[in-house]
Amino acid sequence: MRVYGDAQKAAEGCALQIAEWLAEAASGKGLTSMAVSGGNTPRMMFKTLSTINLPWERVHVFQVDERGVAPDDEQSNYRMVRESLIQPAAIPEQNVHRMFGEMDAEKAADAYSDEVRRFFGGPPRFDVVQCGVGDDGHTASLFPGDGLVEDRRGIAAGVWVASKKQWRITLLPGAILGGLHVCVLVSGGDKAEAARRALDGEINLRETPAQLLRDGEWFVDEAAAGLVRRR
């Protein structure tokens, strides 16, 4: 776990590390891939990442999860990623693989799984998977109580999130954990208890899905790290 003084510094640290991973992958095999999360926390990170000189024409961007809304909706994860990273970095449109939140969630998940398989020629092996943690301990759109947290075979699924009264599309644990580098960006005191449960709590994935990410690279500000046993 890397702890930073504030959310901006944590975002910058995460961006620099992701850039290093992407550059290494692109130099080794030509194309590179990353799956990214939405929400408010990574916005600063994407803005920093977009300013870094990388071979963006060789970077393919996938989504970790999406809300059941149109791509121009204020809640759309894709919209946030597009505005904060894709457009500023001039990532080619054909390199962007979005989840279709405007479709039926289960059909959209099937279509997304097919696209991921076509790109990788089989099960996904993202070079970078960037996740966050909710104040309830969820990650991606795997929420407490959801049995999908134990699915290691599927790529994506449509899920009804009762607490949000919303359909979502999410990558499943096998696709997330299959990433070469899994990083977790967390900031804010409201995430402190969830971060503690994720990193230090007794393993109970159904109660705290973010425990899936325990072995990832964590980028955390002081407020979110306040209850975590320092490593």
Protein backbone atom coordinates (compact mmCIF):
# COMPACT_ATOMS: atom_id res chain seq x y z
CA MET A 1 0.00 0.00 0.00
CA ARG A 2 1.35 3.40 -1.03
CA VAL A 3 0.03 6.23 1.13
CA TYR A 4 -0.04 9.85 -0.05
CA GLY A 5 -0.77 13.12 1.68
CA ASP A 6 -3.98 13.87 -0.21
CA ALA A 7 -6.25 12.62 -2.98
CA GLN A 8 -4.46 14.57 -5.72
CA LYS A 9 -1.09 13.09 -4.83
CA ALA A 10 -2.55 9.59 -4.67
CA ALA A 11 -4.11 10.10 -8.11
CA GLU A 12 -0.81 11.35 -9.54
CA GLY A 13 1.10 8.44 -8.05
CA CYS A 14 -1.35 5.97 -9.51
CA ALA A 15 -1.20 7.66 -12.93
CA LEU A 16 2.60 7.54 -13.02
CA GLN A 17 2.64 3.86 -12.15
CA ILE A 18 0.00 2.98 -14.75
CA ALA A 19 1.97 4.93 -17.36
CA GLU A 20 5.08 2.92 -16.52
CA TRP A 21 3.21 -0.36 -16.88
CA LEU A 22 1.62 0.67 -20.19
CA ALA A 23 4.93 1.86 -21.63
CA GLU A 24 6.61 -1.39 -20.67
CA ALA A 25 3.82 -3.48 -22.23
CA ALA A 26 3.69 -1.40 -25.41
CA SER A 27 7.43 -1.66 -25.94
CA GLY A 28 7.34 -5.40 -25.45
CA LYS A 29 4.40 -6.45 -27.61
CA GLY A 30 3.19 -3.43 -29.59
CA LEU A 31 -0.36 -3.21 -28.23
CA THR A 32 -1.33 -2.79 -24.60
CA SER A 33 -4.63 -2.89 -22.75
CA MET A 34 -6.14 -1.45 -19.62
CA ALA A 35 -9.54 -1.79 -17.98
CA VAL A 36 -10.58 1.28 -16.01
CA SER A 37 -13.23 2.15 -13.46
CA GLY A 38 -15.59 5.09 -13.29
CA GLY A 39 -16.88 7.18 -10.43
CA ASN A 40 -15.39 10.35 -8.97
CA THR A 41 -12.15 9.05 -7.46
CA PRO A 42 -10.25 8.23 -10.67
CA ARG A 43 -11.14 11.45 -12.52
CA MET A 44 -8.02 13.26 -11.27
CA MET A 45 -5.90 10.24 -12.06
CA PHE A 46 -7.13 10.08 -15.67
CA LYS A 47 -6.47 13.79 -16.17
CA THR A 48 -2.88 13.31 -15.03
CA LEU A 49 -2.46 10.14 -17.08
CA SER A 50 -3.69 11.89 -20.24
CA THR A 51 -0.82 14.39 -20.05
CA ILE A 52 1.90 11.72 -20.01
CA ASN A 53 3.71 11.04 -23.26
CA LEU A 54 2.72 7.49 -24.14
CA PRO A 55 2.11 5.70 -27.47
CA TRP A 56 -1.63 6.18 -27.03
CA GLU A 57 -2.32 4.85 -30.53
CA ARG A 58 -1.25 1.44 -29.17
CA VAL A 59 -3.31 1.58 -25.95
CA HIS A 60 -6.70 -0.16 -25.87
CA VAL A 61 -9.12 1.01 -23.19
CA PHE A 62 -11.76 -1.25 -21.67
CA GLN A 63 -14.26 -0.66 -18.87
CA VAL A 64 -14.37 -2.40 -15.52
CA ASP A 65 -18.02 -1.51 -15.05
CA GLU A 66 -20.81 0.71 -16.27
CA ARG A 67 -24.13 2.04 -15.04
CA GLY A 68 -27.31 1.29 -16.94
CA VAL A 69 -27.47 4.69 -18.62
CA ALA A 70 -26.76 6.21 -22.04
CA PRO A 71 -23.14 7.16 -22.84
CA ASP A 72 -23.84 10.90 -22.55
CA ASP A 73 -25.66 10.62 -19.22
CA GLU A 74 -24.03 12.39 -16.25
CA GLN A 75 -23.83 9.04 -14.44
CA SER A 76 -22.05 7.28 -17.30
CA ASN A 77 -18.63 5.91 -16.42
CA TYR A 78 -17.76 5.94 -20.10
CA ARG A 79 -18.57 9.63 -20.36
CA MET A 80 -16.23 10.43 -17.47
CA VAL A 81 -13.41 8.34 -18.94
CA ARG A 82 -13.98 9.86 -22.38
CA GLU A 83 -13.84 13.42 -21.07
CA SER A 84 -10.96 12.87 -18.64
CA LEU A 85 -8.72 10.49 -20.57
CA ILE A 86 -9.79 9.35 -24.03
CA GLN A 87 -10.29 12.78 -25.60
CA PRO A 88 -7.39 14.62 -23.90
CA ALA A 89 -4.96 11.80 -24.76
CA ALA A 90 -6.38 11.49 -28.31
CA ILE A 91 -6.83 7.73 -27.96
CA PRO A 92 -8.17 6.43 -31.30
CA GLU A 93 -11.87 5.59 -31.29
CA GLN A 94 -11.18 2.06 -32.54
CA ASN A 95 -9.06 1.48 -29.42
CA VAL A 96 -11.97 2.16 -27.06
CA HIS A 97 -14.10 -0.79 -25.98
CA ARG A 98 -17.06 0.46 -24.01
CA MET A 99 -19.88 -1.28 -22.21
CA PHE A 100 -23.27 -0.39 -23.70
CA GLY A 101 -25.08 0.89 -20.65
CA GLU A 102 -28.08 1.92 -22.74
CA MET A 103 -28.79 -1.74 -23.61
CA ASP A 104 -30.41 -4.46 -21.55
CA ALA A 105 -27.69 -5.14 -18.98
CA GLU A 106 -27.49 -8.89 -19.47
CA LYS A 107 -27.38 -8.59 -23.27
CA ALA A 108 -24.78 -5.83 -22.98
CA ALA A 109 -22.65 -8.05 -20.73
CA ASP A 110 -22.82 -10.89 -23.25
CA ALA A 111 -21.85 -8.55 -26.10
CA TYR A 112 -18.98 -7.14 -24.05
CA SER A 113 -17.74 -10.60 -23.13
CA ASP A 114 -17.70 -11.51 -26.83
CA GLU A 115 -15.73 -8.37 -27.70
CA VAL A 116 -13.18 -9.03 -24.97
CA ARG A 117 -12.72 -12.62 -26.15
CA ARG A 118 -12.23 -11.46 -29.73
CA PHE A 119 -9.57 -8.96 -28.70
CA PHE A 120 -7.60 -11.42 -26.58
CA GLY A 121 -8.37 -14.52 -28.60
CA GLY A 122 -9.74 -16.14 -25.45
CA PRO A 123 -9.89 -15.22 -21.74
CA PRO A 124 -8.72 -11.65 -21.04
CA ARG A 125 -5.28 -10.77 -19.79
CA PHE A 126 -5.37 -7.01 -19.34
CA ASP A 127 -2.00 -5.36 -18.82
CA VAL A 128 -3.58 -3.03 -16.25
CA VAL A 129 -6.83 -3.25 -14.33
CA GLN A 130 -7.69 -0.13 -12.31
CA CYS A 131 -10.32 -0.49 -9.62
CA GLY A 132 -11.75 1.53 -6.77
CA VAL A 133 -13.53 0.76 -3.52
CA GLY A 134 -16.94 2.03 -2.41
CA ASP A 135 -17.73 3.04 1.14
CA ASP A 136 -19.76 -0.17 1.44
CA GLY A 137 -16.81 -2.30 0.38
CA HIS A 138 -17.87 -2.92 -3.22
CA THR A 139 -15.50 -2.89 -6.16
CA ALA A 140 -16.35 -2.76 -9.86
CA SER A 141 -20.11 -3.35 -9.67
CA LEU A 142 -19.71 -6.31 -7.33
CA PHE A 143 -21.69 -5.28 -4.28
CA PRO A 144 -22.00 -6.88 -0.83
CA GLY A 145 -24.22 -9.95 -0.90
CA ASP A 146 -23.73 -10.67 -4.61
CA GLY A 147 -22.76 -14.27 -5.35
CA LEU A 148 -20.99 -13.18 -8.53
CA VAL A 149 -18.02 -12.27 -6.35
CA GLU A 150 -17.13 -15.98 -6.48
CA ASP A 151 -17.35 -16.30 -10.29
CA ARG A 152 -13.90 -17.03 -11.74
CA ARG A 153 -15.02 -18.26 -15.17
CA GLY A 154 -17.19 -15.54 -16.68
CA ILE A 155 -15.94 -12.27 -18.16
CA ALA A 156 -18.84 -9.87 -17.56
CA ALA A 157 -22.35 -9.90 -16.16
CA GLY A 158 -25.41 -7.70 -15.89
CA VAL A 159 -26.33 -7.06 -12.26
CA TRP A 160 -29.26 -5.42 -10.51
CA VAL A 161 -27.90 -3.28 -7.66
CA ALA A 162 -30.79 -3.01 -5.23
CA SER A 163 -29.09 -0.37 -3.06
CA LYS A 164 -28.76 1.90 -6.11
CA LYS A 165 -32.00 0.78 -7.79
CA GLN A 166 -30.04 0.45 -10.99
CA TRP A 167 -28.86 -2.13 -13.50
CA ARG A 168 -25.12 -2.27 -14.10
CA ILE A 169 -22.60 -4.18 -16.16
CA THR A 170 -19.44 -5.43 -14.51
CA LEU A 171 -16.30 -7.40 -15.17
CA LEU A 172 -16.25 -10.55 -13.07
CA PRO A 173 -13.51 -11.54 -10.62
CA GLY A 174 -11.69 -13.88 -12.99
CA ALA A 175 -11.29 -11.11 -15.60
CA ILE A 176 -10.18 -8.59 -12.98
CA LEU A 177 -7.72 -10.83 -11.19
CA GLY A 178 -6.33 -12.11 -14.49
CA GLY A 179 -4.82 -8.68 -15.10
CA LEU A 180 -1.04 -8.51 -15.19
CA HIS A 181 -1.16 -5.47 -12.90
CA VAL A 182 -4.15 -4.72 -10.68
CA CYS A 183 -4.15 -1.31 -9.03
CA VAL A 184 -6.58 0.20 -6.55
CA LEU A 185 -7.09 3.94 -6.09
CA VAL A 186 -8.90 5.01 -2.91
CA SER A 187 -9.28 8.41 -1.30
CA GLY A 188 -11.38 10.06 1.39
CA GLY A 189 -12.18 9.37 5.01
CA ASP A 190 -15.54 7.89 4.03
CA LYS A 191 -13.61 4.97 2.50
CA ALA A 192 -11.42 4.32 5.56
CA GLU A 193 -13.53 1.56 7.10
CA ALA A 194 -14.05 -0.15 3.74
CA ALA A 195 -10.29 -0.02 3.07
CA ARG A 196 -9.63 -1.53 6.51
CA ARG A 197 -12.06 -4.39 5.88
CA ALA A 198 -10.64 -4.96 2.41
CA LEU A 199 -7.01 -5.10 3.51
CA ASP A 200 -7.14 -6.25 7.14
CA GLY A 201 -10.53 -7.84 7.74
CA GLU A 202 -11.27 -11.55 7.99
CA ILE A 203 -11.87 -12.85 4.48
CA ASN A 204 -15.55 -12.72 3.56
CA LEU A 205 -15.89 -11.79 -0.10
CA ARG A 206 -19.67 -11.61 -0.02
CA GLU A 207 -19.53 -9.07 2.77
CA THR A 208 -16.59 -7.06 1.37
CA PRO A 209 -16.04 -7.75 -2.36
CA ALA A 210 -13.05 -5.37 -2.37
CA GLN A 211 -11.11 -8.10 -0.58
CA LEU A 212 -10.67 -9.53 -4.08
CA LEU A 213 -8.10 -6.78 -4.58
CA ARG A 214 -6.04 -7.46 -1.47
CA ASP A 215 -2.96 -8.48 -3.46
CA GLY A 216 -3.17 -5.51 -5.85
CA GLU A 217 -1.12 -2.31 -5.78
CA TRP A 218 -3.01 0.15 -3.55
CA PHE A 219 -2.71 3.94 -3.94
CA VAL A 220 -4.39 5.53 -0.94
CA ASP A 221 -4.52 8.99 0.61
CA GLU A 222 -3.96 9.54 4.33
CA ALA A 223 -7.70 9.89 5.02
CA ALA A 224 -8.60 6.55 3.45
CA ALA A 225 -5.59 4.81 4.99
CA GLY A 226 -6.38 5.96 8.51
CA LEU A 227 -7.65 2.62 9.82
CA VAL A 228 -5.44 0.28 7.79
CA ARG A 229 -2.53 -1.51 9.38
CA ARG A 230 0.49 0.02 7.64
CA ARG A 231 2.57 -2.38 5.58
